[in-house]
PDB file of N, CA and C in Angstrom:
ATOM      1  N   MET A   1       0.825  -1.216  -0.218  1.00  0.00           N
ATOM      2  CA  MET A   1      -0.149  -0.140  -0.270  1.00  0.00           C
ATOM      3  C   MET A   1       0.839   1.180  -0.128  1.00  0.00           C
ATOM      4  N   ASN A   2       0.551   2.584  -0.678  1.00  0.00           N
ATOM      5  CA  ASN A   2       1.057   3.453  -0.678  1.00  0.00           C
ATOM      6  C   ASN A   2       0.239   4.498  -0.228  1.00  0.00           C
ATOM      7  N   SER A   3       0.837   5.890  -0.293  1.00  0.00           N
ATOM      8  CA  SER A   3       0.175   6.960   0.642  1.00  0.00           C
ATOM      9  C   SER A   3      -0.965   7.505  -0.554  1.00  0.00           C
ATOM     10  N   GLN A   4      -0.486   7.147  -1.958  1.00  0.00           N
ATOM     11  CA  GLN A   4      -1.813   7.355  -2.854  1.00  0.00           C
ATOM     12  C   GLN A   4      -3.082   6.879  -2.566  1.00  0.00           C
ATOM     13  N   GLU A   5      -2.918   5.223  -2.210  1.00  0.00           N
ATOM     14  CA  GLU A   5      -4.281   4.649  -2.193  1.00  0.00           C
ATOM     15  C   GLU A   5      -4.757   4.529  -1.003  1.00  0.00           C
ATOM     16  N   ALA A   6      -3.823   5.334   0.316  1.00  0.00           N
ATOM     17  CA  ALA A   6      -4.231   5.410   1.742  1.00  0.00           C
ATOM     18  C   ALA A   6      -5.185   6.733   1.410  1.00  0.00           C
ATOM     19  N   LEU A   7      -4.577   7.575   0.615  1.00  0.00           N
ATOM     20  CA  LEU A   7      -5.533   8.846   0.634  1.00  0.00           C
ATOM     21  C   LEU A   7      -6.931   8.733  -0.277  1.00  0.00           C
ATOM     22  N   GLU A   8      -6.958   7.872  -1.172  1.00  0.00           N
ATOM     23  CA  GLU A   8      -7.977   7.594  -1.808  1.00  0.00           C
ATOM     24  C   GLU A   8      -9.597   6.880  -0.970  1.00  0.00           C
ATOM     25  N   ILE A   9      -8.845   6.174   0.171  1.00  0.00           N
ATOM     26  CA  ILE A   9      -9.387   5.403   0.831  1.00  0.00           C
ATOM     27  C   ILE A   9     -10.108   6.523   1.781  1.00  0.00           C
ATOM     28  N   LEU A  10      -9.388   7.435   2.308  1.00  0.00           N
ATOM     29  CA  LEU A  10      -9.637   8.520   2.993  1.00  0.00           C
ATOM     30  C   LEU A  10     -10.904   9.287   2.420  1.00  0.00           C
ATOM     31  N   ALA A  11     -10.518   9.898   1.003  1.00  0.00           N
ATOM     32  CA  ALA A  11     -11.365  10.192   0.448  1.00  0.00           C
ATOM     33  C   ALA A  11     -12.818   9.828   0.105  1.00  0.00           C
ATOM     34  N   LYS A  12     -12.933   8.407  -0.240  1.00  0.00           N
ATOM     35  CA  LYS A  12     -14.216   7.714   0.094  1.00  0.00           C
ATOM     36  C   LYS A  12     -14.755   7.816   0.932  1.00  0.00           C
ATOM     37  N   ASP A  13     -14.220   7.631   2.283  1.00  0.00           N
ATOM     38  CA  ASP A  13     -14.733   7.417   3.579  1.00  0.00           C
ATOM     39  C   ASP A  13     -14.695   8.623   4.107  1.00  0.00           C
ATOM     40  N   LYS A  14     -15.796   9.716   4.292  1.00  0.00           N
ATOM     41  CA  LYS A  14     -15.621  10.789   4.665  1.00  0.00           C
ATOM     42  C   LYS A  14     -15.572  10.348   6.430  1.00  0.00           C
ATOM     43  N   GLU A  15     -16.789   9.266   6.633  1.00  0.00           N
ATOM     44  CA  GLU A  15     -16.798   8.867   7.858  1.00  0.00           C
ATOM     45  C   GLU A  15     -15.526   8.275   8.592  1.00  0.00           C
ATOM     46  N   ILE A  16     -15.071   8.496   9.727  1.00  0.00           N
ATOM     47  CA  ILE A  16     -14.034   7.947  10.448  1.00  0.00           C
ATOM     48  C   ILE A  16     -14.581   6.683  10.781  1.00  0.00           C
ATOM     49  N   THR A  17     -14.206   5.402  10.271  1.00  0.00           N
ATOM     50  CA  THR A  17     -14.569   4.193  10.737  1.00  0.00           C
ATOM     51  C   THR A  17     -13.814   3.331  11.184  1.00  0.00           C
ATOM     52  N   GLY A  18     -13.578   2.199  11.944  1.00  0.00           N
ATOM     53  CA  GLY A  18     -12.693   1.312  12.094  1.00  0.00           C
ATOM     54  C   GLY A  18     -11.904   1.049  11.254  1.00  0.00           C
ATOM     55  N   GLU A  19     -12.429   0.943  10.183  1.00  0.00           N
ATOM     56  CA  GLU A  19     -11.516   0.171   8.931  1.00  0.00           C
ATOM     57  C   GLU A  19     -10.695   1.355   8.565  1.00  0.00           C
ATOM     58  N   THR A  20     -10.735   2.550   8.701  1.00  0.00           N
ATOM     59  CA  THR A  20     -10.225   3.640   8.267  1.00  0.00           C
ATOM     60  C   THR A  20      -8.987   4.017   9.071  1.00  0.00           C
ATOM     61  N   TYR A  21      -9.161   3.334  10.471  1.00  0.00           N
ATOM     62  CA  TYR A  21      -8.435   3.594  11.648  1.00  0.00           C
ATOM     63  C   TYR A  21      -7.161   2.593  11.380  1.00  0.00           C
ATOM     64  N   ARG A  22      -7.918   1.483  10.785  1.00  0.00           N
ATOM     65  CA  ARG A  22      -7.046   0.209  10.784  1.00  0.00           C
ATOM     66  C   ARG A  22      -5.767   0.375   9.567  1.00  0.00           C
ATOM     67  N   VAL A  23      -6.389   1.221   8.466  1.00  0.00           N
ATOM     68  CA  VAL A  23      -5.565   1.679   7.407  1.00  0.00           C
ATOM     69  C   VAL A  23      -4.713   2.275   7.435  1.00  0.00           C
ATOM     70  N   LEU A  24      -5.016   3.559   8.299  1.00  0.00           N
ATOM     71  CA  LEU A  24      -3.750   4.414   8.760  1.00  0.00           C
ATOM     72  C   LEU A  24      -2.715   3.750  10.149  1.00  0.00           C
ATOM     73  N   PHE A  25      -3.255   3.071  10.448  1.00  0.00           N
ATOM     74  CA  PHE A  25      -2.491   2.300  11.698  1.00  0.00           C
ATOM     75  C   PHE A  25      -1.662   1.300  10.974  1.00  0.00           C
ATOM     76  N   LEU A  26      -1.982   0.703   9.818  1.00  0.00           N
ATOM     77  CA  LEU A  26      -0.809  -0.003   9.113  1.00  0.00           C
ATOM     78  C   LEU A  26      -0.241   0.774   8.153  1.00  0.00           C
ATOM     79  N   PHE A  27      -0.572   2.039   7.751  1.00  0.00           N
ATOM     80  CA  PHE A  27       0.327   2.556   7.225  1.00  0.00           C
ATOM     81  C   PHE A  27       1.074   3.240   7.725  1.00  0.00           C
ATOM     82  N   ALA A  28       0.804   3.965   8.946  1.00  0.00           N
ATOM     83  CA  ALA A  28       1.932   4.362   9.847  1.00  0.00           C
ATOM     84  C   ALA A  28       2.889   3.369  10.550  1.00  0.00           C
ATOM     85  N   LEU A  29       2.447   2.169  11.007  1.00  0.00           N
ATOM     86  CA  LEU A  29       3.324   0.846  11.158  1.00  0.00           C
ATOM     87  C   LEU A  29       4.403   0.882  10.055  1.00  0.00           C
ATOM     88  N   VAL A  30       4.042   0.575   8.584  1.00  0.00           N
ATOM     89  CA  VAL A  30       4.839   0.246   7.669  1.00  0.00           C
ATOM     90  C   VAL A  30       5.805   1.398   7.448  1.00  0.00           C
ATOM     91  N   LEU A  31       5.696   2.753   7.609  1.00  0.00           N
ATOM     92  CA  LEU A  31       6.509   3.681   7.082  1.00  0.00           C
ATOM     93  C   LEU A  31       7.579   3.502   8.625  1.00  0.00           C
ATOM     94  N   ILE A  32       6.915   3.527  10.002  1.00  0.00           N
ATOM     95  CA  ILE A  32       7.907   3.419  10.875  1.00  0.00           C
ATOM     96  C   ILE A  32       8.994   2.379  10.701  1.00  0.00           C
ATOM     97  N   LEU A  33       8.419   1.175  10.340  1.00  0.00           N
ATOM     98  CA  LEU A  33       9.294   0.094  10.196  1.00  0.00           C
ATOM     99  C   LEU A  33      10.605   0.551   9.205  1.00  0.00           C
ATOM    100  N   LYS A  34      10.078   0.709   8.284  1.00  0.00           N
ATOM    101  CA  LYS A  34      10.791   0.841   6.984  1.00  0.00           C
ATOM    102  C   LYS A  34      11.826   1.994   7.333  1.00  0.00           C
ATOM    103  N   ILE A  35      11.473   2.902   7.881  1.00  0.00           N
ATOM    104  CA  ILE A  35      12.615   4.194   8.622  1.00  0.00           C
ATOM    105  C   ILE A  35      13.390   3.598   9.440  1.00  0.00           C
ATOM    106  N   GLY A  36      12.954   2.542  10.569  1.00  0.00           N
ATOM    107  CA  GLY A  36      14.115   1.949  11.260  1.00  0.00           C
ATOM    108  C   GLY A  36      14.758   1.075  10.770  1.00  0.00           C
ATOM    109  N   PHE A  37      14.465   0.056   9.879  1.00  0.00           N
ATOM    110  CA  PHE A  37      15.110  -0.588   8.864  1.00  0.00           C
ATOM    111  C   PHE A  37      16.416  -0.455   8.314  1.00  0.00           C
ATOM    112  N   LYS A  38      15.917   0.999   7.793  1.00  0.00           N
ATOM    113  CA  LYS A  38      16.859   1.807   7.096  1.00  0.00           C
ATOM    114  C   LYS A  38      18.455   2.268   7.444  1.00  0.00           C
ATOM    115  N   TYR A  39      18.390   2.261   8.678  1.00  0.00           N
ATOM    116  CA  TYR A  39      18.898   2.752   9.770  1.00  0.00           C
ATOM    117  C   TYR A  39      19.908   1.541  10.448  1.00  0.00           C
ATOM    118  N   GLN A  40      18.872   0.805  10.805  1.00  0.00           N
ATOM    119  CA  GLN A  40      19.562  -0.656  11.480  1.00  0.00           C
ATOM    120  C   GLN A  40      19.175  -1.779  10.895  1.00  0.00           C
ATOM    121  N   SER A  41      20.192  -2.583  10.335  1.00  0.00           N
ATOM    122  CA  SER A  41      19.320  -3.740   9.828  1.00  0.00           C
ATOM    123  C   SER A  41      20.289  -4.690   8.833  1.00  0.00           C
ATOM    124  N   PRO A  42      19.969  -5.802   9.565  1.00  0.00           N
ATOM    125  CA  PRO A  42      20.979  -6.985   8.773  1.00  0.00           C
ATOM    126  C   PRO A  42      20.664  -6.585   7.402  1.00  0.00           C
ATOM    127  N   LYS A  43      21.447  -7.324   6.350  1.00  0.00           N
ATOM    128  CA  LYS A  43      21.427  -7.371   5.155  1.00  0.00           C
ATOM    129  C   LYS A  43      20.046  -8.265   4.835  1.00  0.00           C
ATOM    130  N   TRP A  44      19.658  -9.361   5.343  1.00  0.00           N
ATOM    131  CA  TRP A  44      19.005 -10.272   4.651  1.00  0.00           C
ATOM    132  C   TRP A  44      17.337  -9.230   4.781  1.00  0.00           C
ATOM    133  N   LEU A  45      16.673  -8.368   5.813  1.00  0.00           N
ATOM    134  CA  LEU A  45      15.908  -7.351   6.079  1.00  0.00           C
ATOM    135  C   LEU A  45      16.055  -6.456   5.134  1.00  0.00           C
ATOM    136  N   ARG A  46      17.030  -5.680   4.916  1.00  0.00           N
ATOM    137  CA  ARG A  46      17.282  -4.596   4.148  1.00  0.00           C
ATOM    138  C   ARG A  46      16.550  -5.025   2.635  1.00  0.00           C
ATOM    139  N   SER A  47      17.324  -6.691   2.247  1.00  0.00           N
ATOM    140  CA  SER A  47      16.675  -7.002   1.189  1.00  0.00           C
ATOM    141  C   SER A  47      15.139  -7.144   0.965  1.00  0.00           C
ATOM    142  N   LEU A  48      14.337  -7.371   2.335  1.00  0.00           N
ATOM    143  CA  LEU A  48      12.907  -7.668   2.014  1.00  0.00           C
ATOM    144  C   LEU A  48      12.512  -6.219   1.369  1.00  0.00           C
ATOM    145  N   ASN A  49      13.042  -4.949   1.894  1.00  0.00           N
ATOM    146  CA  ASN A  49      11.931  -3.795   1.564  1.00  0.00           C
ATOM    147  C   ASN A  49      12.102  -3.301   0.105  1.00  0.00           C
TER     148      ASN A  49
END
């Protein structure tokens, strides 16, 4: 999932629902993990990104 998809989901769904919260949470989690792995990760983890 990229930011464009997340924005489209939010635009379609004006009401904040459980699904919207779940999408935002997953999106934030992916960003945090990618940033964390970029600075401190073994090579096998970096190859997954």
